[in-house]
PDB file of N, CA and C in Angstrom:
ATOM      1  N   MET A   1       2.500  13.688 -26.254  1.00  0.00           N
ATOM      2  CA  MET A   1       2.946  13.693 -24.883  1.00  0.00           C
ATOM      3  C   MET A   1       1.876  13.798 -23.875  1.00  0.00           C
ATOM      4  N   GLU A   2       0.762  14.629 -24.078  1.00  0.00           N
ATOM      5  CA  GLU A   2      -0.343  14.875 -23.546  1.00  0.00           C
ATOM      6  C   GLU A   2      -1.140  13.442 -23.290  1.00  0.00           C
ATOM      7  N   GLU A   3      -1.207  12.721 -24.562  1.00  0.00           N
ATOM      8  CA  GLU A   3      -1.880  11.418 -24.647  1.00  0.00           C
ATOM      9  C   GLU A   3      -1.237  10.458 -23.569  1.00  0.00           C
ATOM     10  N   LEU A   4       0.140  10.412 -23.523  1.00  0.00           N
ATOM     11  CA  LEU A   4       0.750   9.514 -22.747  1.00  0.00           C
ATOM     12  C   LEU A   4       0.540   9.666 -21.215  1.00  0.00           C
ATOM     13  N   ILE A   5       0.450  11.133 -20.965  1.00  0.00           N
ATOM     14  CA  ILE A   5       0.287  11.450 -19.507  1.00  0.00           C
ATOM     15  C   ILE A   5      -1.179  11.197 -19.195  1.00  0.00           C
ATOM     16  N   GLN A   6      -2.141  11.186 -19.957  1.00  0.00           N
ATOM     17  CA  GLN A   6      -3.430  10.863 -19.693  1.00  0.00           C
ATOM     18  C   GLN A   6      -3.725   9.354 -19.485  1.00  0.00           C
ATOM     19  N   ASN A   7      -2.961   8.550 -20.271  1.00  0.00           N
ATOM     20  CA  ASN A   7      -3.048   7.128 -20.238  1.00  0.00           C
ATOM     21  C   ASN A   7      -2.303   6.622 -19.020  1.00  0.00           C
ATOM     22  N   ILE A   8      -1.352   7.343 -18.502  1.00  0.00           N
ATOM     23  CA  ILE A   8      -0.805   6.830 -17.238  1.00  0.00           C
ATOM     24  C   ILE A   8      -1.535   7.064 -16.172  1.00  0.00           C
ATOM     25  N   HIS A   9      -2.158   5.955 -15.334  1.00  0.00           N
ATOM     26  CA  HIS A   9      -2.885   6.182 -14.211  1.00  0.00           C
ATOM     27  C   HIS A   9      -3.042   4.853 -13.441  1.00  0.00           C
ATOM     28  N   PHE A  10      -3.041   4.891 -12.176  1.00  0.00           N
ATOM     29  CA  PHE A  10      -3.351   3.858 -11.318  1.00  0.00           C
ATOM     30  C   PHE A  10      -4.789   3.243 -11.343  1.00  0.00           C
ATOM     31  N   THR A  11      -5.054   2.053 -11.218  1.00  0.00           N
ATOM     32  CA  THR A  11      -6.475   1.639 -11.256  1.00  0.00           C
ATOM     33  C   THR A  11      -7.215   2.215  -9.989  1.00  0.00           C
ATOM     34  N   SER A  12      -6.632   2.540  -8.900  1.00  0.00           N
ATOM     35  CA  SER A  12      -7.422   3.179  -7.822  1.00  0.00           C
ATOM     36  C   SER A  12      -6.252   3.783  -7.011  1.00  0.00           C
ATOM     37  N   LEU A  13      -6.841   4.681  -6.098  1.00  0.00           N
ATOM     38  CA  LEU A  13      -5.906   5.502  -5.378  1.00  0.00           C
ATOM     39  C   LEU A  13      -4.934   4.717  -4.542  1.00  0.00           C
ATOM     40  N   TRP A  14      -5.693   3.520  -4.072  1.00  0.00           N
ATOM     41  CA  TRP A  14      -4.797   2.675  -3.262  1.00  0.00           C
ATOM     42  C   TRP A  14      -3.481   2.299  -3.715  1.00  0.00           C
ATOM     43  N   TRP A  15      -3.305   2.002  -5.208  1.00  0.00           N
ATOM     44  CA  TRP A  15      -2.170   1.780  -5.947  1.00  0.00           C
ATOM     45  C   TRP A  15      -1.059   2.817  -5.852  1.00  0.00           C
ATOM     46  N   ALA A  16      -1.602   4.095  -5.655  1.00  0.00           N
ATOM     47  CA  ALA A  16      -0.794   5.199  -5.852  1.00  0.00           C
ATOM     48  C   ALA A  16      -0.164   5.289  -4.387  1.00  0.00           C
ATOM     49  N   ILE A  17      -0.857   4.527  -3.348  1.00  0.00           N
ATOM     50  CA  ILE A  17      -0.165   4.523  -2.079  1.00  0.00           C
ATOM     51  C   ILE A  17       0.671   3.387  -1.880  1.00  0.00           C
ATOM     52  N   LEU A  18       0.065   2.194  -2.155  1.00  0.00           N
ATOM     53  CA  LEU A  18       0.724   0.993  -2.019  1.00  0.00           C
ATOM     54  C   LEU A  18       1.941   0.586  -2.729  1.00  0.00           C
ATOM     55  N   ALA A  19       1.970   1.039  -4.003  1.00  0.00           N
ATOM     56  CA  ALA A  19       3.195   0.619  -4.876  1.00  0.00           C
ATOM     57  C   ALA A  19       4.394   1.557  -4.209  1.00  0.00           C
ATOM     58  N   PRO A  20       4.393   2.779  -3.964  1.00  0.00           N
ATOM     59  CA  PRO A  20       5.685   3.271  -3.444  1.00  0.00           C
ATOM     60  C   PRO A  20       5.948   2.760  -2.029  1.00  0.00           C
ATOM     61  N   MET A  21       4.916   2.609  -1.321  1.00  0.00           N
ATOM     62  CA  MET A  21       5.216   2.181   0.241  1.00  0.00           C
ATOM     63  C   MET A  21       5.781   0.856   0.038  1.00  0.00           C
ATOM     64  N   ALA A  22       5.521  -0.124  -0.745  1.00  0.00           N
ATOM     65  CA  ALA A  22       6.045  -1.400  -0.896  1.00  0.00           C
ATOM     66  C   ALA A  22       7.554  -1.403  -1.448  1.00  0.00           C
ATOM     67  N   LEU A  23       7.644  -0.317  -2.276  1.00  0.00           N
ATOM     68  CA  LEU A  23       9.229  -0.327  -2.704  1.00  0.00           C
ATOM     69  C   LEU A  23      10.070   0.309  -1.561  1.00  0.00           C
ATOM     70  N   ILE A  24       9.361   1.203  -0.873  1.00  0.00           N
ATOM     71  CA  ILE A  24      10.138   1.912   0.304  1.00  0.00           C
ATOM     72  C   ILE A  24      10.473   0.782   1.305  1.00  0.00           C
ATOM     73  N   VAL A  25       9.484  -0.156   1.685  1.00  0.00           N
ATOM     74  CA  VAL A  25       9.771  -1.103   2.601  1.00  0.00           C
ATOM     75  C   VAL A  25      10.802  -1.967   2.208  1.00  0.00           C
ATOM     76  N   LEU A  26      10.900  -2.509   0.810  1.00  0.00           N
ATOM     77  CA  LEU A  26      11.713  -3.369   0.234  1.00  0.00           C
ATOM     78  C   LEU A  26      13.201  -2.774   0.192  1.00  0.00           C
ATOM     79  N   ASP A  27      13.234  -1.415   0.185  1.00  0.00           N
ATOM     80  CA  ASP A  27      14.600  -0.578   0.031  1.00  0.00           C
ATOM     81  C   ASP A  27      15.228  -0.591   1.505  1.00  0.00           C
ATOM     82  N   VAL A  28      14.133  -0.256   2.485  1.00  0.00           N
ATOM     83  CA  VAL A  28      14.640  -0.250   3.855  1.00  0.00           C
ATOM     84  C   VAL A  28      15.206  -1.593   4.308  1.00  0.00           C
ATOM     85  N   LEU A  29      14.634  -2.740   3.969  1.00  0.00           N
ATOM     86  CA  LEU A  29      14.992  -4.117   4.365  1.00  0.00           C
ATOM     87  C   LEU A  29      16.084  -4.480   3.710  1.00  0.00           C
ATOM     88  N   THR A  30      16.379  -4.175   2.406  1.00  0.00           N
ATOM     89  CA  THR A  30      17.549  -4.474   1.815  1.00  0.00           C
ATOM     90  C   THR A  30      18.831  -3.719   2.270  1.00  0.00           C
ATOM     91  N   GLY A  31      18.539  -2.502   2.796  1.00  0.00           N
ATOM     92  CA  GLY A  31      19.645  -1.591   3.291  1.00  0.00           C
ATOM     93  C   GLY A  31      20.066  -2.124   4.616  1.00  0.00           C
ATOM     94  N   LEU A  32      18.921  -2.729   5.456  1.00  0.00           N
ATOM     95  CA  LEU A  32      19.284  -3.112   6.680  1.00  0.00           C
ATOM     96  C   LEU A  32      19.927  -4.475   6.554  1.00  0.00           C
ATOM     97  N   VAL A  33      19.865  -5.334   5.695  1.00  0.00           N
ATOM     98  CA  VAL A  33      20.443  -6.557   5.480  1.00  0.00           C
ATOM     99  C   VAL A  33      21.955  -6.286   5.070  1.00  0.00           C
ATOM    100  N   ILE A  34      22.117  -5.308   4.165  1.00  0.00           N
ATOM    101  CA  ILE A  34      23.520  -4.961   3.786  1.00  0.00           C
ATOM    102  C   ILE A  34      24.167  -4.468   5.074  1.00  0.00           C
ATOM    103  N   ALA A  35      23.621  -3.516   5.864  1.00  0.00           N
ATOM    104  CA  ALA A  35      24.295  -2.997   6.980  1.00  0.00           C
ATOM    105  C   ALA A  35      24.584  -4.123   8.106  1.00  0.00           C
ATOM    106  N   TRP A  36      23.681  -5.082   8.386  1.00  0.00           N
ATOM    107  CA  TRP A  36      23.797  -5.970   9.170  1.00  0.00           C
ATOM    108  C   TRP A  36      25.048  -6.895   8.645  1.00  0.00           C
ATOM    109  N   ARG A  37      25.014  -7.428   7.461  1.00  0.00           N
ATOM    110  CA  ARG A  37      26.030  -8.163   6.985  1.00  0.00           C
ATOM    111  C   ARG A  37      27.415  -7.593   6.974  1.00  0.00           C
ATOM    112  N   ASP A  38      27.597  -6.272   6.650  1.00  0.00           N
ATOM    113  CA  ASP A  38      28.866  -5.829   6.676  1.00  0.00           C
ATOM    114  C   ASP A  38      29.259  -5.167   7.953  1.00  0.00           C
ATOM    115  N   GLY A  39      28.365  -5.337   8.967  1.00  0.00           N
ATOM    116  CA  GLY A  39      28.873  -5.035  10.334  1.00  0.00           C
ATOM    117  C   GLY A  39      28.904  -3.465  10.653  1.00  0.00           C
ATOM    118  N   ASN A  40      28.195  -2.600   9.740  1.00  0.00           N
ATOM    119  CA  ASN A  40      28.223  -1.428  10.041  1.00  0.00           C
ATOM    120  C   ASN A  40      26.819  -0.700  10.246  1.00  0.00           C
ATOM    121  N   PHE A  41      25.989  -1.473  11.006  1.00  0.00           N
ATOM    122  CA  PHE A  41      24.708  -0.942  11.237  1.00  0.00           C
ATOM    123  C   PHE A  41      24.902   0.273  12.427  1.00  0.00           C
ATOM    124  N   LYS A  42      24.198   1.347  12.110  1.00  0.00           N
ATOM    125  CA  LYS A  42      24.242   2.435  12.992  1.00  0.00           C
ATOM    126  C   LYS A  42      22.897   3.176  12.998  1.00  0.00           C
ATOM    127  N   SER A  43      22.408   3.164  14.305  1.00  0.00           N
ATOM    128  CA  SER A  43      21.006   3.710  14.278  1.00  0.00           C
ATOM    129  C   SER A  43      20.917   5.384  13.800  1.00  0.00           C
ATOM    130  N   ALA A  44      22.012   6.045  13.827  1.00  0.00           N
ATOM    131  CA  ALA A  44      22.011   7.414  13.313  1.00  0.00           C
ATOM    132  C   ALA A  44      21.750   7.438  11.727  1.00  0.00           C
ATOM    133  N   VAL A  45      22.313   6.521  11.082  1.00  0.00           N
ATOM    134  CA  VAL A  45      22.307   6.380   9.741  1.00  0.00           C
ATOM    135  C   VAL A  45      20.713   5.921   9.334  1.00  0.00           C
ATOM    136  N   MET A  46      20.308   4.937  10.119  1.00  0.00           N
ATOM    137  CA  MET A  46      19.035   4.484   9.916  1.00  0.00           C
ATOM    138  C   MET A  46      17.922   5.499  10.235  1.00  0.00           C
ATOM    139  N   ARG A  47      18.173   6.280  11.146  1.00  0.00           N
ATOM    140  CA  ARG A  47      17.218   7.602  11.514  1.00  0.00           C
ATOM    141  C   ARG A  47      17.270   8.319  10.391  1.00  0.00           C
ATOM    142  N   ALA A  48      18.228   8.781   9.775  1.00  0.00           N
ATOM    143  CA  ALA A  48      18.501   9.647   8.661  1.00  0.00           C
ATOM    144  C   ALA A  48      17.567   9.074   7.433  1.00  0.00           C
ATOM    145  N   GLY A  49      18.109   7.864   7.292  1.00  0.00           N
ATOM    146  CA  GLY A  49      17.245   7.341   6.111  1.00  0.00           C
ATOM    147  C   GLY A  49      15.925   7.090   6.388  1.00  0.00           C
ATOM    148  N   LEU A  50      15.261   6.850   7.274  1.00  0.00           N
ATOM    149  CA  LEU A  50      13.761   6.588   7.740  1.00  0.00           C
ATOM    150  C   LEU A  50      13.412   8.008   7.609  1.00  0.00           C
ATOM    151  N   SER A  51      14.056   9.047   8.126  1.00  0.00           N
ATOM    152  CA  SER A  51      13.352  10.531   7.908  1.00  0.00           C
ATOM    153  C   SER A  51      13.216  10.775   6.323  1.00  0.00           C
ATOM    154  N   LYS A  52      14.071  10.232   5.576  1.00  0.00           N
ATOM    155  CA  LYS A  52      14.007  10.652   4.017  1.00  0.00           C
ATOM    156  C   LYS A  52      12.655   9.899   3.635  1.00  0.00           C
ATOM    157  N   LYS A  53      12.660   8.644   4.140  1.00  0.00           N
ATOM    158  CA  LYS A  53      11.421   7.949   3.619  1.00  0.00           C
ATOM    159  C   LYS A  53      10.226   8.424   3.990  1.00  0.00           C
ATOM    160  N   PHE A  54      10.095   8.864   5.162  1.00  0.00           N
ATOM    161  CA  PHE A  54       8.783   9.639   5.787  1.00  0.00           C
ATOM    162  C   PHE A  54       8.681  10.861   4.961  1.00  0.00           C
ATOM    163  N   GLY A  55       9.699  11.636   4.658  1.00  0.00           N
ATOM    164  CA  GLY A  55       9.472  12.737   3.628  1.00  0.00           C
ATOM    165  C   GLY A  55       8.871  12.309   2.198  1.00  0.00           C
ATOM    166  N   GLU A  56       9.307  11.192   1.776  1.00  0.00           N
ATOM    167  CA  GLU A  56       8.746  10.781   0.568  1.00  0.00           C
ATOM    168  C   GLU A  56       7.094  10.355   0.763  1.00  0.00           C
ATOM    169  N   LEU A  57       6.704   9.780   1.968  1.00  0.00           N
ATOM    170  CA  LEU A  57       5.312   9.640   2.214  1.00  0.00           C
ATOM    171  C   LEU A  57       4.668  11.003   2.272  1.00  0.00           C
ATOM    172  N   ILE A  58       5.179  11.851   2.768  1.00  0.00           N
ATOM    173  CA  ILE A  58       4.505  13.336   3.014  1.00  0.00           C
ATOM    174  C   ILE A  58       4.367  13.921   1.494  1.00  0.00           C
ATOM    175  N   TYR A  59       5.251  13.514   0.618  1.00  0.00           N
ATOM    176  CA  TYR A  59       5.054  14.132  -0.825  1.00  0.00           C
ATOM    177  C   TYR A  59       3.916  13.353  -1.429  1.00  0.00           C
ATOM    178  N   ILE A  60       3.529  12.098  -1.056  1.00  0.00           N
ATOM    179  CA  ILE A  60       2.478  11.283  -1.616  1.00  0.00           C
ATOM    180  C   ILE A  60       1.245  11.897  -1.033  1.00  0.00           C
ATOM    181  N   VAL A  61       1.142  12.119   0.252  1.00  0.00           N
ATOM    182  CA  VAL A  61      -0.046  12.795   0.809  1.00  0.00           C
ATOM    183  C   VAL A  61      -0.493  14.216   0.216  1.00  0.00           C
ATOM    184  N   VAL A  62       0.816  14.897  -0.050  1.00  0.00           N
ATOM    185  CA  VAL A  62       0.359  16.156  -0.782  1.00  0.00           C
ATOM    186  C   VAL A  62      -0.089  15.958  -2.116  1.00  0.00           C
ATOM    187  N   GLY A  63       0.478  15.049  -2.821  1.00  0.00           N
ATOM    188  CA  GLY A  63      -0.154  14.731  -4.138  1.00  0.00           C
ATOM    189  C   GLY A  63      -1.548  14.307  -3.958  1.00  0.00           C
ATOM    190  N   ILE A  64      -1.785  13.560  -3.159  1.00  0.00           N
ATOM    191  CA  ILE A  64      -3.229  13.149  -2.968  1.00  0.00           C
ATOM    192  C   ILE A  64      -4.131  14.311  -2.535  1.00  0.00           C
ATOM    193  N   LEU A  65      -3.734  15.194  -1.789  1.00  0.00           N
ATOM    194  CA  LEU A  65      -4.381  16.362  -1.347  1.00  0.00           C
ATOM    195  C   LEU A  65      -4.757  17.296  -2.629  1.00  0.00           C
ATOM    196  N   THR A  66      -3.507  17.416  -3.296  1.00  0.00           N
ATOM    197  CA  THR A  66      -3.894  18.151  -4.689  1.00  0.00           C
ATOM    198  C   THR A  66      -4.704  17.539  -5.537  1.00  0.00           C
ATOM    199  N   LYS A  67      -4.794  16.474  -5.734  1.00  0.00           N
ATOM    200  CA  LYS A  67      -5.872  15.646  -6.363  1.00  0.00           C
ATOM    201  C   LYS A  67      -7.145  15.903  -6.195  1.00  0.00           C
ATOM    202  N   PHE A  68      -7.543  16.019  -4.827  1.00  0.00           N
ATOM    203  CA  PHE A  68      -8.800  16.382  -4.347  1.00  0.00           C
ATOM    204  C   PHE A  68      -9.095  17.836  -4.336  1.00  0.00           C
ATOM    205  N   ALA A  69      -8.113  18.648  -4.087  1.00  0.00           N
ATOM    206  CA  ALA A  69      -8.265  20.109  -4.093  1.00  0.00           C
ATOM    207  C   ALA A  69      -8.295  20.728  -5.466  1.00  0.00           C
ATOM    208  N   LEU A  70      -7.461  20.380  -6.368  1.00  0.00           N
ATOM    209  CA  LEU A  70      -7.387  20.937  -7.693  1.00  0.00           C
ATOM    210  C   LEU A  70      -8.033  20.200  -8.682  1.00  0.00           C
ATOM    211  N   GLY A  71      -8.622  18.944  -8.381  1.00  0.00           N
ATOM    212  CA  GLY A  71      -9.180  17.981  -9.460  1.00  0.00           C
ATOM    213  C   GLY A  71      -8.338  17.457 -10.448  1.00  0.00           C
ATOM    214  N   THR A  72      -6.920  17.520 -10.299  1.00  0.00           N
ATOM    215  CA  THR A  72      -6.030  16.968 -11.276  1.00  0.00           C
ATOM    216  C   THR A  72      -5.150  15.904 -10.592  1.00  0.00           C
ATOM    217  N   GLU A  73      -4.868  14.879 -11.295  1.00  0.00           N
ATOM    218  CA  GLU A  73      -4.124  13.750 -10.743  1.00  0.00           C
ATOM    219  C   GLU A  73      -2.824  13.815 -11.234  1.00  0.00           C
ATOM    220  N   LEU A  74      -2.249  14.670 -12.068  1.00  0.00           N
ATOM    221  CA  LEU A  74      -1.093  14.768 -12.605  1.00  0.00           C
ATOM    222  C   LEU A  74       0.006  15.006 -11.491  1.00  0.00           C
ATOM    223  N   ILE A  75      -0.128  15.831 -10.605  1.00  0.00           N
ATOM    224  CA  ILE A  75       0.837  15.996  -9.481  1.00  0.00           C
ATOM    225  C   ILE A  75       1.089  14.813  -8.896  1.00  0.00           C
ATOM    226  N   LEU A  76      -0.057  13.997  -8.399  1.00  0.00           N
ATOM    227  CA  LEU A  76      -0.036  12.815  -7.710  1.00  0.00           C
ATOM    228  C   LEU A  76       0.768  11.695  -8.510  1.00  0.00           C
ATOM    229  N   TYR A  77       0.497  11.641  -9.725  1.00  0.00           N
ATOM    230  CA  TYR A  77       0.985  10.609 -10.704  1.00  0.00           C
ATOM    231  C   TYR A  77       2.330  10.921 -10.735  1.00  0.00           C
ATOM    232  N   PHE A  78       2.775  12.049 -10.893  1.00  0.00           N
ATOM    233  CA  PHE A  78       4.290  12.552 -11.130  1.00  0.00           C
ATOM    234  C   PHE A  78       5.236  12.214  -9.770  1.00  0.00           C
ATOM    235  N   THR A  79       4.556  12.506  -8.701  1.00  0.00           N
ATOM    236  CA  THR A  79       5.257  12.309  -7.437  1.00  0.00           C
ATOM    237  C   THR A  79       5.407  10.954  -7.196  1.00  0.00           C
ATOM    238  N   VAL A  80       4.525  10.053  -7.396  1.00  0.00           N
ATOM    239  CA  VAL A  80       4.334   8.606  -7.303  1.00  0.00           C
ATOM    240  C   VAL A  80       5.319   7.853  -8.156  1.00  0.00           C
ATOM    241  N   GLY A  81       5.348   8.398  -9.405  1.00  0.00           N
ATOM    242  CA  GLY A  81       6.298   7.869 -10.490  1.00  0.00           C
ATOM    243  C   GLY A  81       7.705   8.158 -10.079  1.00  0.00           C
ATOM    244  N   TYR A  82       7.952   9.391  -9.707  1.00  0.00           N
ATOM    245  CA  TYR A  82       9.362   9.566  -9.213  1.00  0.00           C
ATOM    246  C   TYR A  82       9.829   8.938  -8.073  1.00  0.00           C
ATOM    247  N   ILE A  83       8.920   8.765  -7.124  1.00  0.00           N
ATOM    248  CA  ILE A  83       9.326   7.976  -5.910  1.00  0.00           C
ATOM    249  C   ILE A  83       9.588   6.552  -6.073  1.00  0.00           C
ATOM    250  N   CYS A  84       8.734   5.989  -7.202  1.00  0.00           N
ATOM    251  CA  CYS A  84       8.959   4.441  -7.516  1.00  0.00           C
ATOM    252  C   CYS A  84      10.088   4.358  -8.268  1.00  0.00           C
ATOM    253  N   LEU A  85      10.497   5.273  -9.198  1.00  0.00           N
ATOM    254  CA  LEU A  85      11.750   5.273  -9.941  1.00  0.00           C
ATOM    255  C   LEU A  85      12.821   5.348  -8.887  1.00  0.00           C
ATOM    256  N   MET A  86      12.789   6.334  -8.133  1.00  0.00           N
ATOM    257  CA  MET A  86      13.980   6.503  -7.134  1.00  0.00           C
ATOM    258  C   MET A  86      14.181   5.162  -6.246  1.00  0.00           C
ATOM    259  N   GLU A  87      13.130   4.697  -5.798  1.00  0.00           N
ATOM    260  CA  GLU A  87      13.198   3.472  -4.949  1.00  0.00           C
ATOM    261  C   GLU A  87      13.518   2.146  -5.793  1.00  0.00           C
ATOM    262  N   ILE A  88      13.155   2.240  -7.003  1.00  0.00           N
ATOM    263  CA  ILE A  88      13.691   1.042  -7.995  1.00  0.00           C
ATOM    264  C   ILE A  88      15.266   0.951  -8.237  1.00  0.00           C
ATOM    265  N   SER A  89      15.532   2.241  -8.489  1.00  0.00           N
ATOM    266  CA  SER A  89      17.105   2.380  -8.620  1.00  0.00           C
ATOM    267  C   SER A  89      17.731   2.161  -7.269  1.00  0.00           C
ATOM    268  N   SER A  90      17.508   2.496  -6.078  1.00  0.00           N
ATOM    269  CA  SER A  90      17.962   2.214  -4.848  1.00  0.00           C
ATOM    270  C   SER A  90      18.007   0.779  -4.705  1.00  0.00           C
ATOM    271  N   LEU A  91      16.870  -0.058  -5.073  1.00  0.00           N
ATOM    272  CA  LEU A  91      16.796  -1.464  -4.838  1.00  0.00           C
ATOM    273  C   LEU A  91      17.811  -2.164  -5.763  1.00  0.00           C
ATOM    274  N   ALA A  92      18.077  -1.529  -7.012  1.00  0.00           N
ATOM    275  CA  ALA A  92      19.146  -2.023  -7.844  1.00  0.00           C
ATOM    276  C   ALA A  92      20.514  -1.891  -7.235  1.00  0.00           C
ATOM    277  N   GLU A  93      20.653  -0.769  -6.692  1.00  0.00           N
ATOM    278  CA  GLU A  93      22.057  -0.537  -6.138  1.00  0.00           C
ATOM    279  C   GLU A  93      22.320  -1.395  -4.968  1.00  0.00           C
ATOM    280  N   ASN A  94      21.321  -1.691  -4.092  1.00  0.00           N
ATOM    281  CA  ASN A  94      21.363  -2.652  -3.048  1.00  0.00           C
ATOM    282  C   ASN A  94      21.637  -4.014  -3.415  1.00  0.00           C
ATOM    283  N   GLY A  95      20.747  -4.418  -4.706  1.00  0.00           N
ATOM    284  CA  GLY A  95      20.979  -5.757  -5.121  1.00  0.00           C
ATOM    285  C   GLY A  95      22.478  -5.968  -5.582  1.00  0.00           C
ATOM    286  N   VAL A  96      22.886  -4.956  -6.262  1.00  0.00           N
ATOM    287  CA  VAL A  96      24.368  -5.052  -6.540  1.00  0.00           C
ATOM    288  C   VAL A  96      25.276  -5.319  -5.330  1.00  0.00           C
ATOM    289  N   LYS A  97      25.117  -4.618  -4.258  1.00  0.00           N
ATOM    290  CA  LYS A  97      25.854  -4.846  -3.155  1.00  0.00           C
ATOM    291  C   LYS A  97      25.561  -6.131  -2.460  1.00  0.00           C
ATOM    292  N   LEU A  98      24.419  -6.699  -2.666  1.00  0.00           N
ATOM    293  CA  LEU A  98      24.152  -8.184  -2.245  1.00  0.00           C
ATOM    294  C   LEU A  98      24.491  -9.107  -3.165  1.00  0.00           C
ATOM    295  N   GLY A  99      25.153  -8.755  -4.373  1.00  0.00           N
ATOM    296  CA  GLY A  99      25.499  -9.756  -5.179  1.00  0.00           C
ATOM    297  C   GLY A  99      24.708 -10.128  -6.277  1.00  0.00           C
ATOM    298  N   VAL A 100      23.568  -9.466  -6.458  1.00  0.00           N
ATOM    299  CA  VAL A 100      22.699  -9.603  -7.498  1.00  0.00           C
ATOM    300  C   VAL A 100      23.240  -9.464  -8.942  1.00  0.00           C
ATOM    301  N   PRO A 101      23.393 -10.344  -9.924  1.00  0.00           N
ATOM    302  CA  PRO A 101      24.005  -9.928 -11.134  1.00  0.00           C
ATOM    303  C   PRO A 101      23.190  -8.803 -11.991  1.00  0.00           C
ATOM    304  N   LEU A 102      23.827  -7.686 -12.458  1.00  0.00           N
ATOM    305  CA  LEU A 102      23.178  -6.858 -13.358  1.00  0.00           C
ATOM    306  C   LEU A 102      24.144  -6.670 -14.520  1.00  0.00           C
ATOM    307  N   PRO A 103      23.454  -6.148 -15.642  1.00  0.00           N
ATOM    308  CA  PRO A 103      24.402  -5.789 -16.587  1.00  0.00           C
ATOM    309  C   PRO A 103      25.366  -4.724 -16.515  1.00  0.00           C
ATOM    310  N   GLU A 104      26.479  -4.900 -16.996  1.00  0.00           N
ATOM    311  CA  GLU A 104      27.617  -3.869 -16.804  1.00  0.00           C
ATOM    312  C   GLU A 104      27.103  -2.394 -17.134  1.00  0.00           C
ATOM    313  N   LYS A 105      26.290  -2.242 -18.094  1.00  0.00           N
ATOM    314  CA  LYS A 105      25.576  -0.856 -18.474  1.00  0.00           C
ATOM    315  C   LYS A 105      24.945  -0.336 -17.385  1.00  0.00           C
ATOM    316  N   VAL A 106      24.202  -1.105 -16.611  1.00  0.00           N
ATOM    317  CA  VAL A 106      23.292  -0.773 -15.598  1.00  0.00           C
ATOM    318  C   VAL A 106      23.988  -0.279 -14.316  1.00  0.00           C
ATOM    319  N   LYS A 107      24.889  -1.271 -14.104  1.00  0.00           N
ATOM    320  CA  LYS A 107      25.938  -0.908 -12.917  1.00  0.00           C
ATOM    321  C   LYS A 107      26.733   0.273 -13.136  1.00  0.00           C
ATOM    322  N   LYS A 108      27.137   0.695 -14.207  1.00  0.00           N
ATOM    323  CA  LYS A 108      27.871   1.894 -14.429  1.00  0.00           C
ATOM    324  C   LYS A 108      27.006   3.216 -14.120  1.00  0.00           C
ATOM    325  N   LYS A 109      25.802   3.111 -14.309  1.00  0.00           N
ATOM    326  CA  LYS A 109      24.763   4.238 -14.168  1.00  0.00           C
ATOM    327  C   LYS A 109      24.386   4.365 -12.491  1.00  0.00           C
ATOM    328  N   LEU A 110      24.603   3.375 -11.800  1.00  0.00           N
ATOM    329  CA  LEU A 110      24.338   3.366 -10.502  1.00  0.00           C
ATOM    330  C   LEU A 110      25.329   3.914  -9.691  1.00  0.00           C
ATOM    331  N   ASN A 111      24.972   4.698  -8.425  1.00  0.00           N
ATOM    332  CA  ASN A 111      25.933   5.189  -7.597  1.00  0.00           C
ATOM    333  C   ASN A 111      26.830   4.454  -6.943  1.00  0.00           C
ATOM    334  N   ASN A 112      26.602   3.167  -6.714  1.00  0.00           N
ATOM    335  CA  ASN A 112      27.610   2.354  -5.892  1.00  0.00           C
ATOM    336  C   ASN A 112      28.518   1.631  -6.830  1.00  0.00           C
ATOM    337  N   ASN A 113      28.950   2.062  -8.077  1.00  0.00           N
ATOM    338  CA  ASN A 113      29.879   1.165  -8.833  1.00  0.00           C
ATOM    339  C   ASN A 113      31.345   1.854  -8.422  1.00  0.00           C
ATOM    340  N   LYS A 114      31.442   2.685  -7.520  1.00  0.00           N
ATOM    341  CA  LYS A 114      32.873   3.122  -6.883  1.00  0.00           C
ATOM    342  C   LYS A 114      33.163   2.293  -5.753  1.00  0.00           C
ATOM    343  N   GLU A 115      34.363   1.971  -5.617  1.00  0.00           N
ATOM    344  CA  GLU A 115      34.860   1.464  -4.358  1.00  0.00           C
ATOM    345  C   GLU A 115      34.513   2.298  -3.243  1.00  0.00           C
ATOM    346  N   GLU A 116      33.979   1.590  -2.171  1.00  0.00           N
ATOM    347  CA  GLU A 116      33.762   2.643  -0.844  1.00  0.00           C
ATOM    348  C   GLU A 116      35.032   2.556   0.212  1.00  0.00           C
TER     349      GLU A 116
END
């Protein structure tokens, strides 16, 4: 396990910032498209969602600070990996709502498989 953790790394610090940010932007955009299409766009919901995304960015900054303060990249990589995984699953949920076909096994694991 330790070898696996040591081999997981981004080629530069910029990838640790840009990868989750790109996924966050895509998630926000797909969420906006869904809300606009369904006619239930609400600024209060958008503000709440964006505040969560801002919190995710704060976690990345904390990970970067611990990288320099403690000399370990493990916290940064864990944080970035978790945020990327969370955003990818949210993108998959949004994709299903937009009509993108996914295998049934994946759909069952997503939160949006229930009728709203």
